[in-house]
Every structure is written in structure tokens, then in C-alpha cells.
Amino acid sequence: MQEITMFYLDDCGYCHKAHRALEELYEKNPEYRKIPITKIEESRQPDVADRYDYWAVPTFFVGDRKVFEAHIGMSYEAIYEKVQEALDQALQ
């Protein structure tokens, strides 16, 4: 199992969707709750955020590999799918 690092902003609508997807996925598969996730609010921890290569939030890294970075226009369903893929990769 690998750790996930999630970058987000408190006032980001896409980030709220990613948090909601995480909660729904935890209910769907309790194994996901075992994955260590470090959540970093980038405006509060810019020194940490600056060490990673990404442009938009939410962004998920599994280990040191970026596996999901949101883009404008993403639907909730697309975000849910990408969050689930990140969780599945972390479980491997």
C-alpha cells in the first residue's frame, strides 16, 4: 500500500467534489480507509506545495507519481472516477 498526497484549496469547488468522492468511496469500499492520505491545503503550506509539480487542484500523488490533476469543466462523475483510480493504485 502506498501513501496518497492530495493537494487542495478550501475555496475550490472541484476540491469539494473530490472530498465528497473520497467519503462516498470510503462507504463503498472500507479498504480505502486504510490508505494513508496526507491532505495539503496549498495556501496554508506553500513550501510543501512548491516541492511538487502540478498546476491545478485537486491533485493526487500516489507515492511520488502524479495520478490525477483536475481541469476546468470536470464533472463530478469524472472526478469520482479519477479519485477511485488513485485509491486503487495506492492499494496495489
C-alpha atoms as a PDB file:
ATOM      1  CA  MET A   1       0.000   0.000   0.000  1.00  0.00           C
ATOM      2  CA  GLN A   2       1.283   3.457  -0.918  1.00  0.00           C
ATOM      3  CA  GLU A   3       0.540   6.841   0.582  1.00  0.00           C
ATOM      4  CA  ILE A   4      -1.546   9.420  -1.262  1.00  0.00           C
ATOM      5  CA  THR A   5      -0.772  13.117  -1.126  1.00  0.00           C
ATOM      6  CA  MET A   6      -3.746  15.294  -2.003  1.00  0.00           C
ATOM      7  CA  PHE A   7      -3.399  18.995  -2.743  1.00  0.00           C
ATOM      8  CA  TYR A   8      -6.499  21.172  -2.480  1.00  0.00           C
ATOM      9  CA  LEU A   9      -7.802  24.651  -1.699  1.00  0.00           C
ATOM     10  CA  ASP A  10     -10.623  25.353   0.746  1.00  0.00           C
ATOM     11  CA  ASP A  11     -12.494  27.562  -1.731  1.00  0.00           C
ATOM     12  CA  CYS A  12     -12.192  25.212  -4.725  1.00  0.00           C
ATOM     13  CA  GLY A  13     -15.415  23.650  -5.993  1.00  0.00           C
ATOM     14  CA  TYR A  14     -13.565  20.803  -7.694  1.00  0.00           C
ATOM     15  CA  CYS A  15     -11.761  20.083  -4.429  1.00  0.00           C
ATOM     16  CA  HIS A  16     -15.097  19.866  -2.601  1.00  0.00           C
ATOM     17  CA  LYS A  17     -16.194  17.322  -5.201  1.00  0.00           C
ATOM     18  CA  ALA A  18     -13.005  15.303  -4.639  1.00  0.00           C
ATOM     19  CA  HIS A  19     -13.557  15.307  -0.863  1.00  0.00           C
ATOM     20  CA  ARG A  20     -17.148  14.179  -1.408  1.00  0.00           C
ATOM     21  CA  ALA A  21     -15.970  11.422  -3.743  1.00  0.00           C
ATOM     22  CA  LEU A  22     -13.486  10.224  -1.112  1.00  0.00           C
ATOM     23  CA  GLU A  23     -16.242   9.980   1.501  1.00  0.00           C
ATOM     24  CA  GLU A  24     -18.546   8.085  -0.880  1.00  0.00           C
ATOM     25  CA  LEU A  25     -15.735   5.731  -1.880  1.00  0.00           C
ATOM     26  CA  TYR A  26     -14.896   5.062   1.790  1.00  0.00           C
ATOM     27  CA  GLU A  27     -18.507   3.958   2.269  1.00  0.00           C
ATOM     28  CA  LYS A  28     -18.417   1.822  -0.864  1.00  0.00           C
ATOM     29  CA  ASN A  29     -15.123   0.083  -0.029  1.00  0.00           C
ATOM     30  CA  PRO A  30     -13.880   0.202   3.593  1.00  0.00           C
ATOM     31  CA  GLU A  31     -10.421  -0.954   2.408  1.00  0.00           C
ATOM     32  CA  TYR A  32      -9.897   2.557   1.032  1.00  0.00           C
ATOM     33  CA  ARG A  33      -9.955   3.930   4.602  1.00  0.00           C
ATOM     34  CA  LYS A  34      -6.701   2.075   5.304  1.00  0.00           C
ATOM     35  CA  ILE A  35      -4.797   4.130   2.710  1.00  0.00           C
ATOM     36  CA  PRO A  36      -2.735   6.860   4.345  1.00  0.00           C
ATOM     37  CA  ILE A  37      -3.715  10.204   2.803  1.00  0.00           C
ATOM     38  CA  THR A  38      -1.912  13.435   3.512  1.00  0.00           C
ATOM     39  CA  LYS A  39      -4.167  16.352   2.616  1.00  0.00           C
ATOM     40  CA  ILE A  40      -2.354  19.625   1.992  1.00  0.00           C
ATOM     41  CA  GLU A  41      -4.225  22.911   1.688  1.00  0.00           C
ATOM     42  CA  GLU A  42      -1.744  24.589  -0.623  1.00  0.00           C
ATOM     43  CA  SER A  43      -2.350  28.178   0.505  1.00  0.00           C
ATOM     44  CA  ARG A  44      -1.517  27.183   4.091  1.00  0.00           C
ATOM     45  CA  GLN A  45       1.523  25.081   3.170  1.00  0.00           C
ATOM     46  CA  PRO A  46       3.054  26.710   0.071  1.00  0.00           C
ATOM     47  CA  ASP A  47       6.530  25.465   0.992  1.00  0.00           C
ATOM     48  CA  VAL A  48       5.301  21.861   0.686  1.00  0.00           C
ATOM     49  CA  ALA A  49       3.215  22.538  -2.431  1.00  0.00           C
ATOM     50  CA  ASP A  50       6.193  24.130  -4.172  1.00  0.00           C
ATOM     51  CA  ARG A  51       8.081  20.837  -3.978  1.00  0.00           C
ATOM     52  CA  TYR A  52       5.537  19.115  -6.251  1.00  0.00           C
ATOM     53  CA  ASP A  53       4.939  19.514  -9.972  1.00  0.00           C
ATOM     54  CA  TYR A  54       1.292  20.393 -10.573  1.00  0.00           C
ATOM     55  CA  TRP A  55      -0.778  23.353 -11.788  1.00  0.00           C
ATOM     56  CA  ALA A  56      -4.325  22.814 -10.578  1.00  0.00           C
ATOM     57  CA  VAL A  57      -6.187  21.390  -7.619  1.00  0.00           C
ATOM     58  CA  PRO A  58      -7.277  18.909  -6.608  1.00  0.00           C
ATOM     59  CA  THR A  59      -4.203  16.894  -7.430  1.00  0.00           C
ATOM     60  CA  PHE A  60      -3.421  13.404  -6.158  1.00  0.00           C
ATOM     61  CA  PHE A  61       0.012  11.797  -5.966  1.00  0.00           C
ATOM     62  CA  VAL A  62       0.431   8.098  -5.218  1.00  0.00           C
ATOM     63  CA  GLY A  63       3.892   7.909  -3.745  1.00  0.00           C
ATOM     64  CA  ASP A  64       5.839  10.397  -5.862  1.00  0.00           C
ATOM     65  CA  ARG A  65       3.772   9.847  -9.038  1.00  0.00           C
ATOM     66  CA  LYS A  66       1.044  12.302 -10.043  1.00  0.00           C
ATOM     67  CA  VAL A  67      -2.043  10.257 -10.895  1.00  0.00           C
ATOM     68  CA  PHE A  68      -4.788  12.893 -11.033  1.00  0.00           C
ATOM     69  CA  GLU A  69      -4.868  16.627 -11.638  1.00  0.00           C
ATOM     70  CA  ALA A  70      -8.222  18.320 -12.113  1.00  0.00           C
ATOM     71  CA  HIS A  71      -9.016  20.534 -15.056  1.00  0.00           C
ATOM     72  CA  ILE A  72     -11.730  23.072 -15.723  1.00  0.00           C
ATOM     73  CA  GLY A  73     -15.052  21.579 -16.664  1.00  0.00           C
ATOM     74  CA  MET A  74     -14.636  18.219 -14.925  1.00  0.00           C
ATOM     75  CA  SER A  75     -17.928  16.680 -13.887  1.00  0.00           C
ATOM     76  CA  TYR A  76     -18.443  15.102 -10.502  1.00  0.00           C
ATOM     77  CA  GLU A  77     -18.539  11.694 -12.192  1.00  0.00           C
ATOM     78  CA  ALA A  78     -15.139  12.264 -13.822  1.00  0.00           C
ATOM     79  CA  ILE A  79     -13.618  13.415 -10.531  1.00  0.00           C
ATOM     80  CA  TYR A  80     -15.134  10.426  -8.715  1.00  0.00           C
ATOM     81  CA  GLU A  81     -13.647   8.064 -11.297  1.00  0.00           C
ATOM     82  CA  LYS A  82     -10.170   9.636 -11.037  1.00  0.00           C
ATOM     83  CA  VAL A  83     -10.235   9.591  -7.230  1.00  0.00           C
ATOM     84  CA  GLN A  84     -11.224   5.914  -7.319  1.00  0.00           C
ATOM     85  CA  GLU A  85      -8.367   5.173  -9.729  1.00  0.00           C
ATOM     86  CA  ALA A  86      -5.926   6.896  -7.352  1.00  0.00           C
ATOM     87  CA  LEU A  87      -7.220   4.851  -4.418  1.00  0.00           C
ATOM     88  CA  ASP A  88      -6.987   1.616  -6.417  1.00  0.00           C
ATOM     89  CA  GLN A  89      -3.409   2.417  -7.423  1.00  0.00           C
ATOM     90  CA  ALA A  90      -2.490   3.134  -3.809  1.00  0.00           C
ATOM     91  CA  LEU A  91      -3.856  -0.263  -2.742  1.00  0.00           C
ATOM     92  CA  GLN A  92      -1.580  -2.158  -5.163  1.00  0.00           C
END
